[in-house]
Amino acid sequence: MANNDWKARLGVVYSTATDYNYTTEEEESVATLPPAQQDLRVWLDRKHRGGKQATLIKGFVGSDDDLKELAKLLKTRCGVGGSAKDGEIIIQGDHRDRILEILTKEGYKAKRAGA
């Protein structure tokens, strides 16, 4: 057994077979679409943020590394903080117009959606 990581085997209770190999499900890496094929939506969100506004970018199809790279680009160009997780980017504050401008210059298809 090359990978003897006990955390990867938490779902297996016990096996008495001497030749049993623990198999773990590995996540498939999602191929990142080119910017021209991405269909991004830019939202303004005020819910569950203590009265503060946040700009959400949804619809990104690709790997988490590419999502974080795009989030870093948007955060530095807007000069604010934010995060990227679960296929969406959260930018602090109302920067919808600036983000749409940045995304279209980078070659992404982006639309303003929501309130």
N, C-alpha and C. Protein backbone atom coordinates (compact mmCIF):
# COMPACT_ATOMS: atom_id res chain seq x y z
N MET A 1 0.85 -1.17 0.00
CA MET A 1 0.00 0.00 0.00
C MET A 1 0.90 1.23 0.00
N ALA A 2 0.96 1.91 -1.14
CA ALA A 2 1.86 3.06 -1.28
C ALA A 2 1.36 4.25 -0.48
N ASN A 3 0.07 4.51 -0.52
CA ASN A 3 -0.48 5.65 0.19
C ASN A 3 -1.14 5.14 1.47
N ASN A 4 -0.47 5.28 2.59
CA ASN A 4 -0.98 4.78 3.86
C ASN A 4 -1.49 5.94 4.72
N ASP A 5 -2.21 6.84 4.10
CA ASP A 5 -2.76 7.99 4.81
C ASP A 5 -4.09 7.58 5.43
N TRP A 6 -4.18 7.61 6.73
CA TRP A 6 -5.39 7.15 7.42
C TRP A 6 -6.57 8.06 7.17
N LYS A 7 -6.34 9.33 6.87
CA LYS A 7 -7.45 10.25 6.61
C LYS A 7 -8.15 9.90 5.30
N ALA A 8 -7.43 9.35 4.35
CA ALA A 8 -8.03 8.97 3.08
C ALA A 8 -8.88 7.72 3.21
N ARG A 9 -8.71 6.96 4.29
CA ARG A 9 -9.43 5.71 4.48
C ARG A 9 -10.53 5.81 5.52
N LEU A 10 -10.99 6.99 5.85
CA LEU A 10 -11.98 7.14 6.92
C LEU A 10 -13.30 6.45 6.62
N GLY A 11 -13.67 6.30 5.35
CA GLY A 11 -14.94 5.67 5.01
C GLY A 11 -14.90 4.15 5.13
N VAL A 12 -13.72 3.52 5.18
CA VAL A 12 -13.60 2.07 5.25
C VAL A 12 -13.54 1.66 6.71
N VAL A 13 -14.43 0.74 7.10
CA VAL A 13 -14.48 0.31 8.49
C VAL A 13 -13.38 -0.69 8.80
N TYR A 14 -13.35 -1.81 8.07
CA TYR A 14 -12.36 -2.83 8.35
C TYR A 14 -12.36 -3.84 7.22
N SER A 15 -11.21 -4.38 6.90
CA SER A 15 -11.12 -5.42 5.89
C SER A 15 -10.17 -6.50 6.39
N THR A 16 -10.60 -7.75 6.30
CA THR A 16 -9.76 -8.86 6.72
C THR A 16 -8.93 -9.44 5.58
N ALA A 17 -9.19 -8.99 4.37
CA ALA A 17 -8.44 -9.50 3.23
C ALA A 17 -7.01 -8.95 3.28
N THR A 18 -6.03 -9.85 3.11
CA THR A 18 -4.63 -9.42 3.18
C THR A 18 -4.20 -8.66 1.94
N ASP A 19 -4.86 -8.92 0.81
CA ASP A 19 -4.46 -8.26 -0.43
C ASP A 19 -5.40 -7.11 -0.80
N TYR A 20 -6.17 -6.62 0.15
CA TYR A 20 -7.12 -5.53 -0.11
C TYR A 20 -6.38 -4.20 -0.20
N ASN A 21 -6.65 -3.45 -1.26
CA ASN A 21 -6.07 -2.12 -1.43
C ASN A 21 -7.16 -1.08 -1.23
N TYR A 22 -6.87 -0.12 -0.40
CA TYR A 22 -7.82 0.96 -0.18
C TYR A 22 -7.81 1.87 -1.40
N THR A 23 -8.97 2.09 -1.96
CA THR A 23 -9.08 2.99 -3.10
C THR A 23 -9.80 4.24 -2.66
N THR A 24 -9.27 5.34 -3.04
CA THR A 24 -9.90 6.61 -2.70
C THR A 24 -10.35 7.27 -3.98
N GLU A 25 -11.44 8.01 -3.88
CA GLU A 25 -11.94 8.73 -5.03
C GLU A 25 -11.18 10.04 -5.15
N GLU A 26 -10.58 10.22 -6.29
CA GLU A 26 -9.85 11.45 -6.53
C GLU A 26 -10.73 12.36 -7.38
N GLU A 27 -10.67 13.64 -7.09
CA GLU A 27 -11.48 14.59 -7.83
C GLU A 27 -10.94 14.73 -9.24
N GLU A 28 -11.87 14.81 -10.19
CA GLU A 28 -11.46 15.03 -11.55
C GLU A 28 -11.12 16.50 -11.72
N SER A 29 -10.03 16.76 -12.39
CA SER A 29 -9.67 18.15 -12.62
C SER A 29 -10.49 18.68 -13.80
N VAL A 30 -11.14 19.78 -13.57
CA VAL A 30 -11.98 20.38 -14.59
C VAL A 30 -11.11 21.22 -15.51
N ALA A 31 -11.24 21.00 -16.79
CA ALA A 31 -10.48 21.78 -17.75
C ALA A 31 -11.03 23.20 -17.79
N THR A 32 -10.14 24.15 -17.72
CA THR A 32 -10.55 25.54 -17.74
C THR A 32 -10.87 25.97 -19.16
N LEU A 33 -12.05 26.53 -19.34
CA LEU A 33 -12.44 27.03 -20.65
C LEU A 33 -11.66 28.29 -20.96
N PRO A 34 -11.41 28.55 -22.24
CA PRO A 34 -10.75 29.81 -22.60
C PRO A 34 -11.65 31.00 -22.25
N PRO A 35 -11.07 32.18 -22.05
CA PRO A 35 -11.88 33.33 -21.64
C PRO A 35 -13.05 33.65 -22.57
N ALA A 36 -12.89 33.44 -23.86
CA ALA A 36 -13.97 33.77 -24.80
C ALA A 36 -15.18 32.85 -24.63
N GLN A 37 -14.98 31.65 -24.06
CA GLN A 37 -16.08 30.71 -23.86
C GLN A 37 -16.67 30.79 -22.46
N GLN A 38 -16.06 31.54 -21.58
CA GLN A 38 -16.60 31.70 -20.23
C GLN A 38 -17.81 32.62 -20.28
N ASP A 39 -18.84 32.28 -19.54
CA ASP A 39 -20.05 33.11 -19.47
C ASP A 39 -20.22 33.55 -18.02
N LEU A 40 -19.63 34.68 -17.66
CA LEU A 40 -19.61 35.13 -16.28
C LEU A 40 -20.75 36.10 -16.01
N ARG A 41 -21.29 36.04 -14.80
CA ARG A 41 -22.34 36.95 -14.34
C ARG A 41 -21.81 37.72 -13.14
N VAL A 42 -22.04 39.03 -13.14
CA VAL A 42 -21.56 39.89 -12.07
C VAL A 42 -22.77 40.38 -11.28
N TRP A 43 -22.80 40.06 -9.99
CA TRP A 43 -23.93 40.37 -9.11
C TRP A 43 -23.48 41.30 -7.98
N LEU A 44 -24.43 41.99 -7.41
CA LEU A 44 -24.21 42.74 -6.18
C LEU A 44 -24.97 42.01 -5.08
N ASP A 45 -24.28 41.69 -4.00
CA ASP A 45 -24.87 40.91 -2.92
C ASP A 45 -24.78 41.70 -1.62
N ARG A 46 -25.91 41.76 -0.91
CA ARG A 46 -25.95 42.45 0.38
C ARG A 46 -26.37 41.53 1.51
N LYS A 47 -26.62 40.28 1.21
CA LYS A 47 -27.15 39.36 2.21
C LYS A 47 -26.05 38.72 3.04
N HIS A 48 -26.31 38.54 4.31
CA HIS A 48 -25.42 37.83 5.24
C HIS A 48 -24.02 38.43 5.30
N ARG A 49 -23.92 39.73 5.15
CA ARG A 49 -22.60 40.37 5.18
C ARG A 49 -22.56 41.54 6.15
N GLY A 50 -23.47 41.56 7.09
CA GLY A 50 -23.46 42.62 8.10
C GLY A 50 -23.77 43.99 7.52
N GLY A 51 -24.60 44.07 6.49
CA GLY A 51 -24.96 45.33 5.88
C GLY A 51 -23.98 45.83 4.85
N LYS A 52 -22.89 45.11 4.64
CA LYS A 52 -21.88 45.53 3.67
C LYS A 52 -22.18 44.90 2.31
N GLN A 53 -21.74 45.56 1.26
CA GLN A 53 -21.96 45.08 -0.09
C GLN A 53 -20.76 44.27 -0.57
N ALA A 54 -21.05 43.32 -1.44
CA ALA A 54 -19.99 42.53 -2.06
C ALA A 54 -20.39 42.26 -3.50
N THR A 55 -19.42 42.24 -4.37
CA THR A 55 -19.64 41.93 -5.78
C THR A 55 -19.32 40.46 -6.00
N LEU A 56 -20.26 39.72 -6.57
CA LEU A 56 -20.09 38.29 -6.83
C LEU A 56 -19.90 38.06 -8.33
N ILE A 57 -18.95 37.23 -8.68
CA ILE A 57 -18.75 36.81 -10.06
C ILE A 57 -19.02 35.32 -10.10
N LYS A 58 -20.08 34.92 -10.81
CA LYS A 58 -20.48 33.52 -10.88
C LYS A 58 -20.36 33.02 -12.31
N GLY A 59 -20.29 31.70 -12.44
CA GLY A 59 -20.29 31.07 -13.76
C GLY A 59 -18.93 30.67 -14.28
N PHE A 60 -17.89 30.76 -13.48
CA PHE A 60 -16.55 30.39 -13.93
C PHE A 60 -16.46 28.87 -14.03
N VAL A 61 -15.97 28.38 -15.17
CA VAL A 61 -15.79 26.95 -15.38
C VAL A 61 -14.29 26.70 -15.52
N GLY A 62 -13.74 25.99 -14.54
CA GLY A 62 -12.31 25.70 -14.60
C GLY A 62 -11.78 25.25 -13.26
N SER A 63 -10.46 25.16 -13.19
CA SER A 63 -9.81 24.67 -11.98
C SER A 63 -9.80 25.76 -10.91
N ASP A 64 -9.61 25.34 -9.67
CA ASP A 64 -9.57 26.28 -8.54
C ASP A 64 -8.38 27.21 -8.64
N ASP A 65 -7.27 26.71 -9.18
CA ASP A 65 -6.09 27.56 -9.33
C ASP A 65 -6.35 28.71 -10.30
N ASP A 66 -7.03 28.41 -11.41
CA ASP A 66 -7.34 29.46 -12.37
C ASP A 66 -8.37 30.44 -11.81
N LEU A 67 -9.30 29.93 -11.01
CA LEU A 67 -10.29 30.79 -10.36
C LEU A 67 -9.60 31.74 -9.39
N LYS A 68 -8.66 31.23 -8.61
CA LYS A 68 -7.94 32.07 -7.66
C LYS A 68 -7.05 33.08 -8.37
N GLU A 69 -6.51 32.69 -9.51
CA GLU A 69 -5.67 33.62 -10.29
C GLU A 69 -6.51 34.78 -10.83
N LEU A 70 -7.71 34.47 -11.32
CA LEU A 70 -8.61 35.52 -11.80
C LEU A 70 -9.06 36.42 -10.65
N ALA A 71 -9.33 35.81 -9.49
CA ALA A 71 -9.73 36.60 -8.32
C ALA A 71 -8.60 37.53 -7.89
N LYS A 72 -7.38 37.06 -7.94
CA LYS A 72 -6.24 37.89 -7.57
C LYS A 72 -6.10 39.08 -8.51
N LEU A 73 -6.31 38.83 -9.81
CA LEU A 73 -6.25 39.91 -10.79
C LEU A 73 -7.31 40.96 -10.50
N LEU A 74 -8.54 40.52 -10.23
CA LEU A 74 -9.63 41.47 -9.96
C LEU A 74 -9.40 42.23 -8.66
N LYS A 75 -8.91 41.54 -7.64
CA LYS A 75 -8.68 42.21 -6.35
C LYS A 75 -7.59 43.26 -6.46
N THR A 76 -6.52 42.97 -7.19
CA THR A 76 -5.43 43.94 -7.30
C THR A 76 -5.84 45.13 -8.16
N ARG A 77 -6.59 44.87 -9.23
CA ARG A 77 -7.01 45.98 -10.10
C ARG A 77 -8.04 46.87 -9.42
N CYS A 78 -8.87 46.29 -8.54
CA CYS A 78 -9.88 47.10 -7.83
C CYS A 78 -9.31 47.67 -6.53
N GLY A 79 -8.22 47.11 -6.04
CA GLY A 79 -7.61 47.60 -4.81
C GLY A 79 -8.38 47.25 -3.57
N VAL A 80 -9.05 46.10 -3.57
CA VAL A 80 -9.85 45.67 -2.43
C VAL A 80 -9.56 44.21 -2.12
N GLY A 81 -10.17 43.71 -1.07
CA GLY A 81 -10.02 42.31 -0.68
C GLY A 81 -11.13 41.47 -1.27
N GLY A 82 -11.04 40.18 -1.03
CA GLY A 82 -12.05 39.26 -1.52
C GLY A 82 -11.59 37.83 -1.37
N SER A 83 -12.36 36.93 -1.97
CA SER A 83 -12.01 35.51 -1.90
C SER A 83 -12.56 34.80 -3.12
N ALA A 84 -12.08 33.58 -3.32
CA ALA A 84 -12.54 32.74 -4.42
C ALA A 84 -12.72 31.33 -3.92
N LYS A 85 -13.95 30.83 -4.02
CA LYS A 85 -14.22 29.45 -3.62
C LYS A 85 -15.54 29.00 -4.23
N ASP A 86 -15.68 27.71 -4.38
CA ASP A 86 -16.91 27.09 -4.91
C ASP A 86 -17.35 27.65 -6.25
N GLY A 87 -16.41 27.98 -7.11
CA GLY A 87 -16.75 28.45 -8.43
C GLY A 87 -17.21 29.89 -8.52
N GLU A 88 -17.08 30.66 -7.45
CA GLU A 88 -17.46 32.06 -7.50
C GLU A 88 -16.42 32.93 -6.81
N ILE A 89 -16.35 34.17 -7.25
CA ILE A 89 -15.39 35.13 -6.72
C ILE A 89 -16.18 36.20 -5.96
N ILE A 90 -15.73 36.53 -4.76
CA ILE A 90 -16.37 37.56 -3.96
C ILE A 90 -15.38 38.71 -3.81
N ILE A 91 -15.79 39.90 -4.24
CA ILE A 91 -14.98 41.11 -4.14
C ILE A 91 -15.69 42.06 -3.19
N GLN A 92 -14.98 42.60 -2.23
CA GLN A 92 -15.58 43.49 -1.25
C GLN A 92 -15.97 44.81 -1.89
N GLY A 93 -17.20 45.24 -1.64
CA GLY A 93 -17.69 46.52 -2.15
C GLY A 93 -18.42 46.38 -3.48
N ASP A 94 -18.99 47.50 -3.93
CA ASP A 94 -19.72 47.53 -5.19
C ASP A 94 -18.78 47.98 -6.30
N HIS A 95 -18.22 47.02 -7.02
CA HIS A 95 -17.27 47.29 -8.10
C HIS A 95 -17.74 46.64 -9.39
N ARG A 96 -19.05 46.59 -9.61
CA ARG A 96 -19.58 45.88 -10.78
C ARG A 96 -19.09 46.47 -12.09
N ASP A 97 -19.15 47.79 -12.22
CA ASP A 97 -18.74 48.42 -13.48
C ASP A 97 -17.26 48.22 -13.76
N ARG A 98 -16.45 48.39 -12.76
CA ARG A 98 -14.99 48.22 -12.91
C ARG A 98 -14.65 46.77 -13.26
N ILE A 99 -15.31 45.82 -12.61
CA ILE A 99 -15.05 44.40 -12.86
C ILE A 99 -15.50 44.01 -14.27
N LEU A 100 -16.65 44.51 -14.71
CA LEU A 100 -17.09 44.24 -16.08
C LEU A 100 -16.08 44.77 -17.10
N GLU A 101 -15.56 45.95 -16.84
CA GLU A 101 -14.55 46.53 -17.72
C GLU A 101 -13.28 45.68 -17.76
N ILE A 102 -12.83 45.24 -16.60
CA ILE A 102 -11.61 44.41 -16.52
C ILE A 102 -11.82 43.08 -17.23
N LEU A 103 -12.96 42.43 -16.99
CA LEU A 103 -13.23 41.13 -17.58
C LEU A 103 -13.33 41.21 -19.10
N THR A 104 -13.98 42.24 -19.62
CA THR A 104 -14.08 42.35 -21.08
C THR A 104 -12.73 42.65 -21.72
N LYS A 105 -11.88 43.42 -21.04
CA LYS A 105 -10.54 43.67 -21.56
C LYS A 105 -9.69 42.40 -21.57
N GLU A 106 -9.94 41.52 -20.62
CA GLU A 106 -9.21 40.25 -20.56
C GLU A 106 -9.77 39.20 -21.52
N GLY A 107 -10.89 39.51 -22.19
CA GLY A 107 -11.46 38.60 -23.19
C GLY A 107 -12.60 37.73 -22.69
N TYR A 108 -13.08 37.95 -21.48
CA TYR A 108 -14.18 37.16 -20.93
C TYR A 108 -15.51 37.72 -21.39
N LYS A 109 -16.51 36.83 -21.54
CA LYS A 109 -17.88 37.27 -21.78
C LYS A 109 -18.51 37.48 -20.40
N ALA A 110 -18.86 38.70 -20.08
CA ALA A 110 -19.43 38.98 -18.78
C ALA A 110 -20.64 39.87 -18.93
N LYS A 111 -21.65 39.61 -18.08
CA LYS A 111 -22.87 40.39 -18.07
C LYS A 111 -23.18 40.82 -16.65
N ARG A 112 -23.82 41.96 -16.55
CA ARG A 112 -24.29 42.44 -15.25
C ARG A 112 -25.64 41.79 -14.99
N ALA A 113 -25.77 41.18 -13.83
CA ALA A 113 -27.01 40.48 -13.49
C ALA A 113 -27.45 40.87 -12.09
N GLY A 114 -28.68 40.60 -11.77
CA GLY A 114 -29.18 40.85 -10.42
C GLY A 114 -29.39 42.32 -10.12
N ALA A 115 -29.54 42.61 -8.83
CA ALA A 115 -29.86 43.98 -8.40
C ALA A 115 -28.67 44.89 -8.48
